Amino acid sequence: MFINKSIDGLNNVCGKNIADLRISLSLSQRELADKMQLVGINIDKNAIQRIECGKRFVTDIEIIAFAKIFNTSYDELLTIPKRKN
């Protein structure tokens, strides 16, 4: 049986990276959602929160938009953060 979750039980591997990038730019989740809407992705603050905590899947179209907003590569968004011991 195939389960669509990472080893940590998350629905995405990019949520932590998105949260870190958002915080580094001093953006609120609402401000990030507003920026996503400006590039054509209909998403709200609650969806951003669910992405960042790994409860929501992220589409390829959303990954492209996040990369554009953060001026970063897809690889950086999709790099699995190192686990703290």
N, C-alpha and C. Protein backbone atom coordinates (compact mmCIF):
# COMPACT_ATOMS: atom_id res chain seq x y z
N MET A 1 0.84 -1.18 0.00
CA MET A 1 0.00 0.00 0.00
C MET A 1 0.89 1.25 0.00
N PHE A 2 0.62 2.19 -0.87
CA PHE A 2 1.38 3.43 -0.98
C PHE A 2 0.73 4.52 -0.16
N ILE A 3 1.53 5.21 0.62
CA ILE A 3 1.03 6.31 1.45
C ILE A 3 1.70 7.59 0.98
N ASN A 4 0.91 8.63 0.74
CA ASN A 4 1.43 9.92 0.25
C ASN A 4 1.91 10.81 1.38
N LYS A 5 2.83 10.34 2.16
CA LYS A 5 3.39 11.15 3.23
C LYS A 5 4.89 10.90 3.31
N SER A 6 5.61 11.92 3.78
CA SER A 6 7.06 11.76 3.95
C SER A 6 7.34 10.92 5.19
N ILE A 7 8.61 10.68 5.43
CA ILE A 7 9.02 9.91 6.61
C ILE A 7 8.50 10.56 7.89
N ASP A 8 8.45 11.87 7.91
CA ASP A 8 7.97 12.59 9.08
C ASP A 8 6.45 12.67 9.16
N GLY A 9 5.75 12.06 8.21
CA GLY A 9 4.29 12.08 8.22
C GLY A 9 3.70 13.34 7.63
N LEU A 10 4.49 14.09 6.89
CA LEU A 10 4.02 15.34 6.30
C LEU A 10 3.50 15.11 4.88
N ASN A 11 2.62 16.00 4.42
CA ASN A 11 2.08 15.93 3.07
C ASN A 11 2.93 16.68 2.05
N ASN A 12 4.00 17.34 2.49
CA ASN A 12 4.90 18.02 1.57
C ASN A 12 6.28 18.12 2.20
N VAL A 13 7.29 18.36 1.37
CA VAL A 13 8.65 18.55 1.88
C VAL A 13 9.06 20.02 1.82
N CYS A 14 8.24 20.86 1.21
CA CYS A 14 8.62 22.26 1.00
C CYS A 14 8.05 23.21 2.04
N GLY A 15 7.14 22.78 2.86
CA GLY A 15 6.47 23.68 3.81
C GLY A 15 7.43 24.38 4.75
N LYS A 16 8.36 23.66 5.33
CA LYS A 16 9.34 24.26 6.25
C LYS A 16 10.18 25.28 5.52
N ASN A 17 10.60 24.98 4.29
CA ASN A 17 11.42 25.91 3.52
C ASN A 17 10.62 27.17 3.18
N ILE A 18 9.36 27.00 2.84
CA ILE A 18 8.50 28.15 2.54
C ILE A 18 8.35 29.02 3.78
N ALA A 19 8.13 28.40 4.93
CA ALA A 19 8.00 29.16 6.18
C ALA A 19 9.29 29.92 6.49
N ASP A 20 10.43 29.25 6.33
CA ASP A 20 11.71 29.90 6.61
C ASP A 20 11.94 31.09 5.68
N LEU A 21 11.65 30.92 4.39
CA LEU A 21 11.82 32.01 3.43
C LEU A 21 10.87 33.16 3.74
N ARG A 22 9.62 32.83 4.05
CA ARG A 22 8.62 33.86 4.38
C ARG A 22 9.07 34.68 5.57
N ILE A 23 9.52 34.00 6.61
CA ILE A 23 9.96 34.67 7.84
C ILE A 23 11.20 35.53 7.57
N SER A 24 12.12 35.02 6.74
CA SER A 24 13.33 35.79 6.44
C SER A 24 13.02 37.10 5.72
N LEU A 25 11.89 37.14 5.03
CA LEU A 25 11.46 38.36 4.34
C LEU A 25 10.49 39.19 5.18
N SER A 26 10.25 38.76 6.40
CA SER A 26 9.32 39.44 7.32
C SER A 26 7.92 39.58 6.72
N LEU A 27 7.46 38.52 6.05
CA LEU A 27 6.11 38.49 5.49
C LEU A 27 5.18 37.72 6.41
N SER A 28 3.97 38.18 6.56
CA SER A 28 2.96 37.39 7.27
C SER A 28 2.41 36.35 6.30
N GLN A 29 1.70 35.38 6.83
CA GLN A 29 1.07 34.39 5.97
C GLN A 29 0.04 35.05 5.05
N ARG A 30 -0.67 36.04 5.56
CA ARG A 30 -1.64 36.77 4.73
C ARG A 30 -0.94 37.51 3.60
N GLU A 31 0.19 38.15 3.89
CA GLU A 31 0.93 38.87 2.85
C GLU A 31 1.45 37.91 1.77
N LEU A 32 1.90 36.72 2.20
CA LEU A 32 2.34 35.73 1.21
C LEU A 32 1.16 35.27 0.36
N ALA A 33 0.02 35.04 0.98
CA ALA A 33 -1.18 34.65 0.22
C ALA A 33 -1.55 35.74 -0.78
N ASP A 34 -1.45 36.99 -0.37
CA ASP A 34 -1.73 38.11 -1.28
C ASP A 34 -0.78 38.10 -2.47
N LYS A 35 0.51 37.85 -2.21
CA LYS A 35 1.50 37.80 -3.30
C LYS A 35 1.19 36.63 -4.25
N MET A 36 0.77 35.51 -3.69
CA MET A 36 0.41 34.35 -4.53
C MET A 36 -0.78 34.72 -5.42
N GLN A 37 -1.75 35.43 -4.88
CA GLN A 37 -2.91 35.83 -5.67
C GLN A 37 -2.52 36.78 -6.79
N LEU A 38 -1.51 37.62 -6.53
CA LEU A 38 -1.04 38.55 -7.58
C LEU A 38 -0.38 37.83 -8.75
N VAL A 39 0.15 36.62 -8.50
CA VAL A 39 0.74 35.85 -9.61
C VAL A 39 -0.24 34.79 -10.15
N GLY A 40 -1.51 34.89 -9.70
CA GLY A 40 -2.55 34.05 -10.28
C GLY A 40 -2.89 32.77 -9.54
N ILE A 41 -2.39 32.62 -8.33
CA ILE A 41 -2.69 31.42 -7.54
C ILE A 41 -3.70 31.80 -6.46
N ASN A 42 -4.89 31.22 -6.54
CA ASN A 42 -5.95 31.52 -5.58
C ASN A 42 -5.72 30.70 -4.31
N ILE A 43 -5.15 31.35 -3.32
CA ILE A 43 -4.79 30.68 -2.08
C ILE A 43 -5.01 31.69 -0.95
N ASP A 44 -5.38 31.19 0.22
CA ASP A 44 -5.59 32.10 1.34
C ASP A 44 -4.60 31.83 2.47
N LYS A 45 -4.67 32.65 3.51
CA LYS A 45 -3.75 32.55 4.65
C LYS A 45 -3.83 31.17 5.30
N ASN A 46 -5.02 30.60 5.40
CA ASN A 46 -5.17 29.29 6.03
C ASN A 46 -4.47 28.20 5.23
N ALA A 47 -4.50 28.31 3.91
CA ALA A 47 -3.80 27.34 3.07
C ALA A 47 -2.29 27.47 3.24
N ILE A 48 -1.80 28.69 3.36
CA ILE A 48 -0.37 28.91 3.61
C ILE A 48 0.02 28.25 4.93
N GLN A 49 -0.79 28.45 5.95
CA GLN A 49 -0.51 27.86 7.26
C GLN A 49 -0.47 26.34 7.16
N ARG A 50 -1.41 25.75 6.43
CA ARG A 50 -1.46 24.29 6.29
C ARG A 50 -0.27 23.77 5.48
N ILE A 51 0.17 24.53 4.48
CA ILE A 51 1.36 24.14 3.71
C ILE A 51 2.58 24.15 4.62
N GLU A 52 2.74 25.24 5.37
CA GLU A 52 3.93 25.40 6.20
C GLU A 52 4.03 24.33 7.29
N CYS A 53 2.93 23.85 7.81
CA CYS A 53 2.99 22.82 8.83
C CYS A 53 2.89 21.41 8.25
N GLY A 54 2.84 21.31 6.92
CA GLY A 54 2.89 20.01 6.26
C GLY A 54 1.57 19.28 6.17
N LYS A 55 0.46 19.96 6.44
CA LYS A 55 -0.85 19.31 6.40
C LYS A 55 -1.49 19.35 5.02
N ARG A 56 -0.94 20.15 4.10
CA ARG A 56 -1.55 20.32 2.78
C ARG A 56 -0.54 19.99 1.69
N PHE A 57 -1.01 19.28 0.68
CA PHE A 57 -0.19 19.03 -0.49
C PHE A 57 0.04 20.34 -1.23
N VAL A 58 1.15 20.43 -1.97
CA VAL A 58 1.47 21.62 -2.76
C VAL A 58 1.56 21.19 -4.22
N THR A 59 0.85 21.90 -5.09
CA THR A 59 0.86 21.55 -6.51
C THR A 59 2.11 22.08 -7.19
N ASP A 60 2.41 21.54 -8.35
CA ASP A 60 3.58 22.02 -9.11
C ASP A 60 3.41 23.49 -9.49
N ILE A 61 2.21 23.90 -9.80
CA ILE A 61 1.95 25.29 -10.16
C ILE A 61 2.22 26.20 -8.96
N GLU A 62 1.86 25.75 -7.77
CA GLU A 62 2.13 26.54 -6.57
C GLU A 62 3.63 26.61 -6.29
N ILE A 63 4.35 25.51 -6.51
CA ILE A 63 5.81 25.51 -6.31
C ILE A 63 6.45 26.55 -7.22
N ILE A 64 6.01 26.60 -8.48
CA ILE A 64 6.54 27.58 -9.43
C ILE A 64 6.28 29.00 -8.92
N ALA A 65 5.09 29.26 -8.43
CA ALA A 65 4.75 30.59 -7.92
C ALA A 65 5.57 30.94 -6.68
N PHE A 66 5.71 29.99 -5.75
CA PHE A 66 6.52 30.25 -4.56
C PHE A 66 7.96 30.58 -4.96
N ALA A 67 8.52 29.81 -5.88
CA ALA A 67 9.89 30.05 -6.33
C ALA A 67 10.03 31.46 -6.92
N LYS A 68 9.04 31.86 -7.69
CA LYS A 68 9.06 33.19 -8.30
C LYS A 68 9.00 34.28 -7.22
N ILE A 69 8.10 34.13 -6.27
CA ILE A 69 7.93 35.12 -5.21
C ILE A 69 9.19 35.23 -4.35
N PHE A 70 9.79 34.09 -4.03
CA PHE A 70 10.98 34.09 -3.18
C PHE A 70 12.28 34.25 -3.97
N ASN A 71 12.16 34.34 -5.29
CA ASN A 71 13.33 34.47 -6.15
C ASN A 71 14.36 33.38 -5.83
N THR A 72 13.88 32.15 -5.84
CA THR A 72 14.71 31.01 -5.52
C THR A 72 14.46 29.88 -6.51
N SER A 73 15.19 28.82 -6.39
CA SER A 73 15.03 27.68 -7.30
C SER A 73 14.02 26.68 -6.74
N TYR A 74 13.52 25.85 -7.62
CA TYR A 74 12.62 24.78 -7.19
C TYR A 74 13.37 23.83 -6.26
N ASP A 75 14.65 23.60 -6.59
CA ASP A 75 15.47 22.70 -5.78
C ASP A 75 15.55 23.17 -4.33
N GLU A 76 15.73 24.47 -4.14
CA GLU A 76 15.82 24.99 -2.77
C GLU A 76 14.51 24.76 -2.03
N LEU A 77 13.40 24.96 -2.70
CA LEU A 77 12.10 24.73 -2.06
C LEU A 77 11.88 23.26 -1.73
N LEU A 78 12.40 22.37 -2.58
CA LEU A 78 12.12 20.95 -2.43
C LEU A 78 13.21 20.18 -1.68
N THR A 79 14.23 20.89 -1.20
CA THR A 79 15.27 20.24 -0.41
C THR A 79 14.70 19.90 0.95
N ILE A 80 14.87 18.66 1.33
CA ILE A 80 14.34 18.22 2.62
C ILE A 80 15.21 18.81 3.73
N PRO A 81 14.59 19.57 4.63
CA PRO A 81 15.37 20.19 5.71
C PRO A 81 16.06 19.12 6.56
N LYS A 82 17.25 19.45 7.05
CA LYS A 82 17.98 18.52 7.93
C LYS A 82 17.20 18.36 9.22
N ARG A 83 17.17 17.14 9.69
CA ARG A 83 16.45 16.84 10.92
C ARG A 83 17.30 17.19 12.13
N LYS A 84 16.67 17.76 13.14
CA LYS A 84 17.37 18.05 14.39
C LYS A 84 17.35 16.80 15.25
N ASN A 85 18.48 16.48 15.83
CA ASN A 85 18.57 15.28 16.68
C ASN A 85 18.22 15.58 18.11
